[in-house]
Amino acid sequence: MVPDVSFVLPPEDEAKAAAVYEKQLMRSYGADGAPPIMLLIAYAYRQSGMLMVHRPESCYPGSGFTITDIRDVDIPLGKGISAPGRFLTTVRDTRTEQVLYWTRLGNRFPVSWDDQRRSIAMQNLAGLVPDGALIRFSIIDPDAKAAEATMMGFAKTLFESCGASGRALLAGPINA
């Protein structure tokens, strides 16, 4: 049986808001005997109080999923570099999808909507209009612990295999 690797995207009514992204990358990575890892990277050159990255906490429920677990995590990316992020377990019908993600605004990693608004405001007050990225991994698997370990390892491998511009996209210019 071929696994369902369809990506969860903002529902129709949020599609206009999702237009804040100038670039989106969606990929599915597989290995023998392991469920595919779905990767979504959404990037916007400018973040302001009017245009902000969307979080899985809104697009998953908007796509019919129930979030059954959510917690803050520290995602190791490279030597001395980590991204504060979130791990979610989501369920729709018989599909259980584990989600690991972080958002980056300039060189900051806001974990919640409030942190995100505060980060943008502080950077705007300093005369900066930061770029922004949502980096999201997900695996369709009921085993949260195994999925989290797999995605954490994948995030680290992805970061370490990128050149300077890729590392800047994932972790901010100061971490490139």
Protein backbone atom coordinates (compact mmCIF):
# COMPACT_ATOMS: atom_id res chain seq x y z
CA MET A 1 0.00 0.00 0.00
CA VAL A 2 1.31 3.47 -0.89
CA PRO A 3 1.28 5.78 2.15
CA ASP A 4 -0.74 9.00 2.02
CA VAL A 5 1.82 11.78 1.92
CA SER A 6 -0.56 14.61 1.10
CA PHE A 7 0.55 17.88 2.62
CA VAL A 8 -1.62 19.81 5.06
CA LEU A 9 -1.94 23.36 3.80
CA PRO A 10 -4.02 26.31 4.99
CA PRO A 11 -7.72 25.79 4.24
CA GLU A 12 -9.42 27.80 1.49
CA ASP A 13 -10.38 30.72 3.76
CA GLU A 14 -6.77 31.07 4.92
CA ALA A 15 -5.30 30.72 1.43
CA LYS A 16 -5.27 34.48 0.89
CA ALA A 17 -3.45 34.98 4.17
CA ALA A 18 -0.95 32.31 3.16
CA ALA A 19 -0.08 34.47 0.15
CA VAL A 20 2.39 36.24 2.46
CA TYR A 21 4.93 33.64 1.37
CA GLU A 22 7.03 34.50 -1.66
CA LYS A 23 8.51 31.01 -1.75
CA GLN A 24 7.23 27.60 -0.70
CA LEU A 25 9.02 24.29 -0.93
CA MET A 26 7.25 20.96 -0.36
CA ARG A 27 9.10 17.68 -0.48
CA SER A 28 8.65 14.13 0.72
CA TYR A 29 11.70 12.10 1.73
CA GLY A 30 11.65 8.35 2.12
CA ALA A 31 13.88 5.53 3.28
CA ASP A 32 13.30 1.79 3.14
CA GLY A 33 11.23 0.59 6.08
CA ALA A 34 10.46 4.08 7.39
CA PRO A 35 7.46 6.33 6.91
CA PRO A 36 8.11 9.29 4.57
CA ILE A 37 9.09 12.63 6.08
CA MET A 38 7.15 15.53 4.61
CA LEU A 39 9.00 18.85 4.56
CA LEU A 40 7.39 22.23 4.04
CA ILE A 41 9.40 25.45 4.04
CA ALA A 42 7.52 28.70 3.53
CA TYR A 43 9.50 31.92 3.21
CA ALA A 44 8.60 35.61 3.10
CA TYR A 45 11.06 38.42 2.52
CA ARG A 46 9.25 40.79 4.90
CA GLN A 47 7.26 40.19 8.08
CA SER A 48 5.12 42.94 9.55
CA GLY A 49 2.17 43.18 11.90
CA MET A 50 -0.10 42.69 8.89
CA LEU A 51 1.73 39.80 7.25
CA MET A 52 2.99 36.96 9.43
CA VAL A 53 3.87 33.29 9.01
CA HIS A 54 1.05 30.85 9.69
CA ARG A 55 1.43 28.20 12.34
CA PRO A 56 0.37 24.54 12.18
CA GLU A 57 -1.81 25.16 15.26
CA SER A 58 -4.22 26.96 12.92
CA CYS A 59 -3.86 25.18 9.57
CA TYR A 60 -4.16 21.62 10.92
CA PRO A 61 -7.49 22.20 12.74
CA GLY A 62 -8.63 24.20 9.69
CA SER A 63 -7.96 21.07 7.61
CA GLY A 64 -10.06 18.84 9.89
CA PHE A 65 -7.34 17.63 12.28
CA THR A 66 -7.58 17.60 16.06
CA ILE A 67 -4.42 18.47 17.96
CA THR A 68 -4.12 15.87 20.71
CA ASP A 69 -0.71 16.91 22.06
CA ILE A 70 1.42 20.02 21.75
CA ARG A 71 4.65 20.90 23.48
CA ASP A 72 7.64 23.17 23.12
CA VAL A 73 10.89 21.49 22.06
CA ASP A 74 14.48 22.49 21.40
CA ILE A 75 15.56 21.33 17.93
CA PRO A 76 19.35 20.82 17.62
CA LEU A 77 20.55 21.92 14.19
CA GLY A 78 24.32 22.06 14.35
CA LYS A 79 27.27 22.76 16.59
CA GLY A 80 25.89 25.05 19.28
CA ILE A 81 22.84 25.99 17.18
CA SER A 82 19.30 25.00 18.01
CA ALA A 83 15.84 26.28 17.15
CA PRO A 84 13.08 26.56 19.73
CA GLY A 85 10.05 24.93 18.15
CA ARG A 86 6.97 22.83 18.71
CA PHE A 87 5.98 19.20 18.42
CA LEU A 88 2.32 18.37 17.75
CA THR A 89 0.36 15.17 17.46
CA THR A 90 -2.62 15.63 15.14
CA VAL A 91 -5.41 13.22 14.25
CA ARG A 92 -8.01 13.15 11.47
CA ASP A 93 -10.09 10.00 11.06
CA THR A 94 -7.53 7.16 11.05
CA ARG A 95 -4.55 9.38 10.14
CA THR A 96 -2.18 10.35 12.97
CA GLU A 97 0.36 12.91 11.86
CA GLN A 98 3.29 13.98 14.02
CA VAL A 99 4.48 17.53 13.32
CA LEU A 100 7.78 19.21 14.24
CA TYR A 101 8.27 22.84 13.29
CA TRP A 102 9.86 26.16 14.07
CA THR A 103 9.41 29.70 12.85
CA ARG A 104 12.23 32.11 12.23
CA LEU A 105 11.82 35.88 12.04
CA GLY A 106 15.17 37.50 11.30
CA ASN A 107 17.47 35.92 13.89
CA ARG A 108 14.67 35.13 16.35
CA PHE A 109 12.63 31.96 16.86
CA PRO A 110 9.18 32.83 18.25
CA VAL A 111 7.36 29.78 19.60
CA SER A 112 3.83 31.21 19.89
CA TRP A 113 1.60 33.76 18.16
CA ASP A 114 2.26 36.18 21.02
CA ASP A 115 6.03 35.68 20.77
CA GLN A 116 5.77 36.17 17.02
CA ARG A 117 3.87 39.46 17.30
CA ARG A 118 6.24 40.69 20.01
CA SER A 119 9.31 39.72 17.94
CA ILE A 120 8.04 41.56 14.87
CA ALA A 121 7.13 44.64 16.92
CA MET A 122 10.54 44.76 18.62
CA GLN A 123 12.39 44.38 15.33
CA ASN A 124 10.14 46.98 13.64
CA LEU A 125 10.81 49.42 16.51
CA ALA A 126 14.53 48.89 15.91
CA GLY A 127 13.98 49.90 12.27
CA LEU A 128 14.09 46.35 10.94
CA VAL A 129 11.54 44.48 8.86
CA PRO A 130 12.64 40.86 9.30
CA ASP A 131 12.28 38.07 6.81
CA GLY A 132 10.37 35.02 8.01
CA ALA A 133 10.29 31.29 7.51
CA LEU A 134 8.19 28.39 8.68
CA ILE A 135 10.07 25.09 8.65
CA ARG A 136 7.79 22.10 9.18
CA PHE A 137 8.43 18.36 9.15
CA SER A 138 5.70 15.76 9.53
CA ILE A 139 5.35 12.00 9.57
CA ILE A 140 2.19 9.93 9.39
CA ASP A 141 2.81 7.58 12.31
CA PRO A 142 0.98 6.91 15.59
CA ASP A 143 4.34 6.52 17.42
CA ALA A 144 5.11 10.08 18.56
CA LYS A 145 8.41 9.25 20.23
CA ALA A 146 9.87 7.49 17.18
CA ALA A 147 8.58 10.17 14.80
CA GLU A 148 10.05 12.96 16.92
CA ALA A 149 13.48 11.30 17.02
CA THR A 150 13.40 10.72 13.25
CA MET A 151 12.41 14.32 12.48
CA MET A 152 14.96 15.77 14.93
CA GLY A 153 17.69 13.78 13.21
CA PHE A 154 16.44 14.81 9.79
CA ALA A 155 16.39 18.52 10.77
CA LYS A 156 20.01 18.29 11.95
CA THR A 157 21.09 16.45 8.79
CA LEU A 158 19.29 18.98 6.60
CA PHE A 159 20.94 21.94 8.35
CA GLU A 160 24.41 20.39 8.27
CA SER A 161 24.12 19.53 4.57
CA CYS A 162 23.14 23.07 3.54
CA GLY A 163 25.44 25.79 2.31
CA ALA A 164 25.52 29.20 3.98
CA SER A 165 22.32 30.47 2.31
CA GLY A 166 20.40 27.34 3.33
CA ARG A 167 21.64 27.59 6.91
CA ALA A 168 20.63 31.28 6.97
CA LEU A 169 17.14 30.34 5.76
CA LEU A 170 16.77 27.69 8.45
CA ALA A 171 18.50 29.38 11.39
CA GLY A 172 18.92 33.06 10.56
CA PRO A 173 21.79 35.08 9.11
CA ILE A 174 23.89 35.05 12.28
CA ASN A 175 23.89 31.23 12.29
CA ALA A 176 24.90 30.76 8.64
